[in-house]
Amino acid sequence: MILAKTAGRCHICGGELTEPWQADHVLAHSGGGVHAADNYLPAHAICNNYRWDYTADEFQELLKLGVWIRLQIEHKTPLGQQAAAKYMAHDTRRTLRRKRPIEA
């Protein structure tokens, strides 16, 4: 039922959903949203993770910032080069943390 609301597409990015997908709260639970089908829309896990608990206005600001910094990177401005290097270092550390084997 939830997946059918968007014809099998992520409500955040619009991409096609394949397994696994997540039911995202339209109104965040922390903001008073309920755990009910009427308050869920389907989303990619990564989209839902990055949307996190932001309001619509906050998320739009993040999107605008992301587009702006991407242009800085594409145009190879000093700021763009610095941002790209710092982001790659951050993403590498994040990826390595998630790939550590679980100790028994």
N, C-alpha and C. Protein backbone atom coordinates (compact mmCIF):
# COMPACT_ATOMS: atom_id res chain seq x y z
N MET A 1 0.83 -1.19 0.00
CA MET A 1 0.00 0.00 0.00
C MET A 1 0.88 1.26 0.00
N ILE A 2 1.92 1.27 0.84
CA ILE A 2 2.80 2.44 0.93
C ILE A 2 3.57 2.61 -0.37
N LEU A 3 4.11 1.53 -0.90
CA LEU A 3 4.87 1.58 -2.15
C LEU A 3 4.02 2.05 -3.32
N ALA A 4 2.75 1.68 -3.31
CA ALA A 4 1.84 2.07 -4.40
C ALA A 4 1.57 3.58 -4.43
N LYS A 5 1.75 4.26 -3.30
CA LYS A 5 1.48 5.70 -3.25
C LYS A 5 2.32 6.49 -4.25
N THR A 6 3.53 5.99 -4.55
CA THR A 6 4.42 6.71 -5.46
C THR A 6 4.78 5.88 -6.69
N ALA A 7 3.96 4.89 -6.98
CA ALA A 7 4.17 4.02 -8.14
C ALA A 7 5.57 3.39 -8.14
N GLY A 8 6.02 2.98 -6.95
CA GLY A 8 7.29 2.28 -6.86
C GLY A 8 8.51 3.17 -6.92
N ARG A 9 8.34 4.45 -6.66
CA ARG A 9 9.45 5.41 -6.71
C ARG A 9 9.71 6.00 -5.33
N CYS A 10 10.97 6.37 -5.10
CA CYS A 10 11.36 7.03 -3.86
C CYS A 10 10.73 8.42 -3.83
N HIS A 11 10.06 8.75 -2.75
CA HIS A 11 9.40 10.06 -2.68
C HIS A 11 10.39 11.19 -2.49
N ILE A 12 11.66 10.89 -2.18
CA ILE A 12 12.66 11.93 -1.97
C ILE A 12 13.40 12.23 -3.27
N CYS A 13 13.95 11.21 -3.92
CA CYS A 13 14.74 11.45 -5.14
C CYS A 13 14.02 11.10 -6.43
N GLY A 14 12.93 10.34 -6.33
CA GLY A 14 12.18 9.96 -7.52
C GLY A 14 12.70 8.72 -8.22
N GLY A 15 13.80 8.15 -7.72
CA GLY A 15 14.37 6.96 -8.34
C GLY A 15 13.51 5.73 -8.09
N GLU A 16 13.67 4.74 -8.96
CA GLU A 16 12.92 3.50 -8.83
C GLU A 16 13.36 2.75 -7.58
N LEU A 17 12.40 2.21 -6.87
CA LEU A 17 12.70 1.47 -5.65
C LEU A 17 12.80 -0.02 -5.95
N THR A 18 13.86 -0.59 -5.45
CA THR A 18 14.03 -2.04 -5.46
C THR A 18 14.23 -2.42 -4.00
N GLU A 19 14.21 -3.69 -3.70
CA GLU A 19 14.39 -4.12 -2.30
C GLU A 19 15.80 -3.81 -1.85
N PRO A 20 16.06 -3.47 -0.63
CA PRO A 20 15.08 -3.08 0.37
C PRO A 20 14.81 -1.57 0.29
N TRP A 21 13.62 -1.19 0.65
CA TRP A 21 13.26 0.23 0.75
C TRP A 21 12.70 0.46 2.14
N GLN A 22 12.55 1.72 2.50
CA GLN A 22 12.06 2.05 3.83
C GLN A 22 10.79 2.88 3.75
N ALA A 23 9.96 2.74 4.75
CA ALA A 23 8.78 3.59 4.88
C ALA A 23 9.21 4.82 5.68
N ASP A 24 9.20 5.97 5.02
CA ASP A 24 9.64 7.21 5.63
C ASP A 24 8.45 7.97 6.21
N HIS A 25 8.63 8.50 7.40
CA HIS A 25 7.58 9.33 7.99
C HIS A 25 7.43 10.63 7.19
N VAL A 26 6.24 10.99 6.80
CA VAL A 26 5.99 12.28 6.17
C VAL A 26 6.18 13.37 7.23
N LEU A 27 5.49 13.24 8.32
CA LEU A 27 5.70 14.10 9.49
C LEU A 27 6.50 13.26 10.47
N ALA A 28 7.72 13.70 10.75
CA ALA A 28 8.63 12.93 11.60
C ALA A 28 7.99 12.59 12.93
N HIS A 29 8.30 11.41 13.40
CA HIS A 29 7.77 10.96 14.69
C HIS A 29 8.17 11.93 15.79
N SER A 30 9.41 12.44 15.73
CA SER A 30 9.87 13.39 16.74
C SER A 30 9.12 14.71 16.69
N GLY A 31 8.46 14.98 15.55
CA GLY A 31 7.67 16.20 15.40
C GLY A 31 6.19 15.97 15.61
N GLY A 32 5.83 14.81 16.12
CA GLY A 32 4.44 14.51 16.39
C GLY A 32 3.79 13.59 15.39
N GLY A 33 4.54 13.14 14.39
CA GLY A 33 3.99 12.22 13.40
C GLY A 33 3.74 10.85 14.00
N VAL A 34 2.73 10.18 13.48
CA VAL A 34 2.35 8.87 14.02
C VAL A 34 2.92 7.74 13.18
N HIS A 35 2.99 6.56 13.79
CA HIS A 35 3.40 5.35 13.08
C HIS A 35 2.15 4.77 12.44
N ALA A 36 1.80 5.27 11.27
CA ALA A 36 0.59 4.80 10.56
C ALA A 36 0.83 4.90 9.06
N ALA A 37 0.18 4.04 8.30
CA ALA A 37 0.36 4.01 6.85
C ALA A 37 0.09 5.37 6.20
N ASP A 38 -0.86 6.13 6.74
CA ASP A 38 -1.16 7.45 6.18
C ASP A 38 0.00 8.42 6.32
N ASN A 39 0.92 8.16 7.25
CA ASN A 39 2.05 9.05 7.49
C ASN A 39 3.35 8.51 6.91
N TYR A 40 3.29 7.50 6.04
CA TYR A 40 4.48 6.92 5.44
C TYR A 40 4.48 7.09 3.93
N LEU A 41 5.68 7.31 3.40
CA LEU A 41 5.92 7.26 1.97
C LEU A 41 7.18 6.44 1.75
N PRO A 42 7.30 5.74 0.62
CA PRO A 42 8.46 4.89 0.39
C PRO A 42 9.70 5.71 0.01
N ALA A 43 10.85 5.23 0.46
CA ALA A 43 12.11 5.91 0.17
C ALA A 43 13.26 4.91 0.12
N HIS A 44 14.29 5.26 -0.67
CA HIS A 44 15.54 4.50 -0.59
C HIS A 44 16.09 4.65 0.82
N ALA A 45 16.77 3.65 1.31
CA ALA A 45 17.35 3.73 2.65
C ALA A 45 18.32 4.90 2.74
N ILE A 46 19.14 5.11 1.72
CA ILE A 46 20.12 6.20 1.78
C ILE A 46 19.43 7.57 1.75
N CYS A 47 18.37 7.71 0.96
CA CYS A 47 17.63 8.98 0.92
C CYS A 47 16.99 9.25 2.28
N ASN A 48 16.38 8.23 2.84
CA ASN A 48 15.73 8.38 4.14
C ASN A 48 16.77 8.71 5.21
N ASN A 49 17.93 8.09 5.13
CA ASN A 49 18.99 8.34 6.10
C ASN A 49 19.47 9.79 6.02
N TYR A 50 19.66 10.31 4.82
CA TYR A 50 20.14 11.68 4.68
C TYR A 50 19.05 12.71 4.96
N ARG A 51 17.82 12.37 4.73
CA ARG A 51 16.73 13.30 5.05
C ARG A 51 16.61 13.43 6.56
N TRP A 52 16.86 12.36 7.24
CA TRP A 52 16.91 12.25 8.69
C TRP A 52 15.73 12.93 9.34
N ASP A 53 15.95 13.89 10.19
CA ASP A 53 14.89 14.51 10.96
C ASP A 53 14.75 15.99 10.59
N TYR A 54 15.15 16.34 9.39
CA TYR A 54 15.09 17.74 8.96
C TYR A 54 13.67 18.14 8.58
N THR A 55 13.36 19.40 8.82
CA THR A 55 12.09 19.92 8.32
C THR A 55 12.22 20.09 6.81
N ALA A 56 11.11 20.33 6.14
CA ALA A 56 11.15 20.54 4.69
C ALA A 56 12.05 21.73 4.34
N ASP A 57 11.95 22.82 5.10
CA ASP A 57 12.77 24.00 4.83
C ASP A 57 14.26 23.71 5.03
N GLU A 58 14.58 22.99 6.09
CA GLU A 58 15.97 22.64 6.35
C GLU A 58 16.52 21.74 5.25
N PHE A 59 15.72 20.78 4.82
CA PHE A 59 16.17 19.86 3.78
C PHE A 59 16.36 20.59 2.46
N GLN A 60 15.49 21.53 2.15
CA GLN A 60 15.66 22.33 0.93
C GLN A 60 16.95 23.15 0.98
N GLU A 61 17.27 23.70 2.14
CA GLU A 61 18.54 24.44 2.29
C GLU A 61 19.73 23.52 2.06
N LEU A 62 19.67 22.30 2.59
CA LEU A 62 20.75 21.35 2.37
C LEU A 62 20.90 21.00 0.89
N LEU A 63 19.79 20.84 0.20
CA LEU A 63 19.84 20.56 -1.24
C LEU A 63 20.47 21.73 -2.00
N LYS A 64 20.07 22.94 -1.67
CA LYS A 64 20.64 24.12 -2.34
C LYS A 64 22.14 24.22 -2.07
N LEU A 65 22.52 23.98 -0.83
CA LEU A 65 23.94 24.01 -0.48
C LEU A 65 24.70 22.95 -1.27
N GLY A 66 24.12 21.74 -1.35
CA GLY A 66 24.77 20.66 -2.09
C GLY A 66 24.95 20.99 -3.56
N VAL A 67 23.95 21.59 -4.19
CA VAL A 67 24.05 21.96 -5.60
C VAL A 67 25.12 23.04 -5.77
N TRP A 68 25.13 24.02 -4.86
CA TRP A 68 26.11 25.10 -4.95
C TRP A 68 27.53 24.58 -4.81
N ILE A 69 27.78 23.73 -3.81
CA ILE A 69 29.14 23.23 -3.61
C ILE A 69 29.55 22.30 -4.74
N ARG A 70 28.58 21.59 -5.31
CA ARG A 70 28.90 20.74 -6.46
C ARG A 70 29.38 21.58 -7.63
N LEU A 71 28.75 22.73 -7.86
CA LEU A 71 29.20 23.63 -8.93
C LEU A 71 30.60 24.15 -8.64
N GLN A 72 30.89 24.43 -7.38
CA GLN A 72 32.24 24.88 -7.01
C GLN A 72 33.26 23.79 -7.33
N ILE A 73 32.90 22.54 -7.05
CA ILE A 73 33.79 21.42 -7.34
C ILE A 73 33.97 21.26 -8.85
N GLU A 74 32.86 21.29 -9.60
CA GLU A 74 32.93 21.12 -11.05
C GLU A 74 33.74 22.22 -11.72
N HIS A 75 33.66 23.44 -11.20
CA HIS A 75 34.41 24.58 -11.77
C HIS A 75 35.82 24.68 -11.20
N LYS A 76 36.17 23.73 -10.35
CA LYS A 76 37.51 23.62 -9.78
C LYS A 76 37.97 24.92 -9.10
N THR A 77 37.05 25.55 -8.40
CA THR A 77 37.42 26.72 -7.62
C THR A 77 38.26 26.26 -6.43
N PRO A 78 39.04 27.15 -5.83
CA PRO A 78 39.80 26.74 -4.64
C PRO A 78 38.89 26.17 -3.55
N LEU A 79 37.75 26.80 -3.31
CA LEU A 79 36.81 26.29 -2.32
C LEU A 79 36.31 24.91 -2.72
N GLY A 80 35.98 24.73 -3.99
CA GLY A 80 35.49 23.44 -4.48
C GLY A 80 36.53 22.35 -4.33
N GLN A 81 37.79 22.66 -4.62
CA GLN A 81 38.84 21.66 -4.48
C GLN A 81 39.05 21.28 -3.02
N GLN A 82 39.00 22.28 -2.14
CA GLN A 82 39.15 22.01 -0.72
C GLN A 82 37.97 21.18 -0.20
N ALA A 83 36.76 21.55 -0.60
CA ALA A 83 35.57 20.82 -0.17
C ALA A 83 35.60 19.38 -0.66
N ALA A 84 36.01 19.18 -1.91
CA ALA A 84 36.06 17.82 -2.47
C ALA A 84 37.06 16.96 -1.69
N ALA A 85 38.22 17.51 -1.39
CA ALA A 85 39.23 16.74 -0.66
C ALA A 85 38.74 16.39 0.74
N LYS A 86 38.14 17.35 1.42
CA LYS A 86 37.64 17.10 2.78
C LYS A 86 36.48 16.10 2.76
N TYR A 87 35.61 16.20 1.76
CA TYR A 87 34.50 15.27 1.67
C TYR A 87 35.02 13.85 1.41
N MET A 88 35.97 13.71 0.50
CA MET A 88 36.49 12.37 0.19
C MET A 88 37.15 11.75 1.42
N ALA A 89 37.89 12.54 2.19
CA ALA A 89 38.51 12.03 3.41
C ALA A 89 37.43 11.60 4.41
N HIS A 90 36.40 12.41 4.55
CA HIS A 90 35.29 12.08 5.46
C HIS A 90 34.59 10.80 5.01
N ASP A 91 34.28 10.71 3.73
CA ASP A 91 33.55 9.56 3.22
C ASP A 91 34.39 8.28 3.34
N THR A 92 35.69 8.39 3.13
CA THR A 92 36.58 7.23 3.29
C THR A 92 36.56 6.75 4.73
N ARG A 93 36.67 7.68 5.69
CA ARG A 93 36.62 7.30 7.12
C ARG A 93 35.28 6.65 7.46
N ARG A 94 34.19 7.22 6.95
CA ARG A 94 32.85 6.69 7.22
C ARG A 94 32.71 5.28 6.66
N THR A 95 33.19 5.09 5.44
CA THR A 95 33.10 3.77 4.81
C THR A 95 33.92 2.73 5.57
N LEU A 96 35.11 3.12 5.99
CA LEU A 96 35.95 2.19 6.74
C LEU A 96 35.33 1.80 8.08
N ARG A 97 34.68 2.76 8.74
CA ARG A 97 34.02 2.45 10.02
C ARG A 97 32.92 1.42 9.82
N ARG A 98 32.21 1.49 8.74
CA ARG A 98 31.08 0.59 8.50
C ARG A 98 31.51 -0.78 8.03
N LYS A 99 32.73 -0.91 7.54
CA LYS A 99 33.18 -2.20 7.02
C LYS A 99 34.00 -3.00 8.02
N ARG A 100 34.16 -2.47 9.24
CA ARG A 100 34.90 -3.21 10.24
C ARG A 100 34.15 -4.48 10.61
N PRO A 101 34.89 -5.58 10.71
CA PRO A 101 34.21 -6.83 11.12
C PRO A 101 33.74 -6.74 12.56
N ILE A 102 32.65 -7.39 12.82
CA ILE A 102 32.09 -7.45 14.17
C ILE A 102 32.90 -8.46 14.97
N GLU A 103 33.37 -8.01 16.13
CA GLU A 103 34.15 -8.90 16.99
C GLU A 103 33.22 -9.74 17.84
N ALA A 104 33.57 -11.01 17.97
CA ALA A 104 32.76 -11.92 18.78
C ALA A 104 33.20 -11.93 20.21
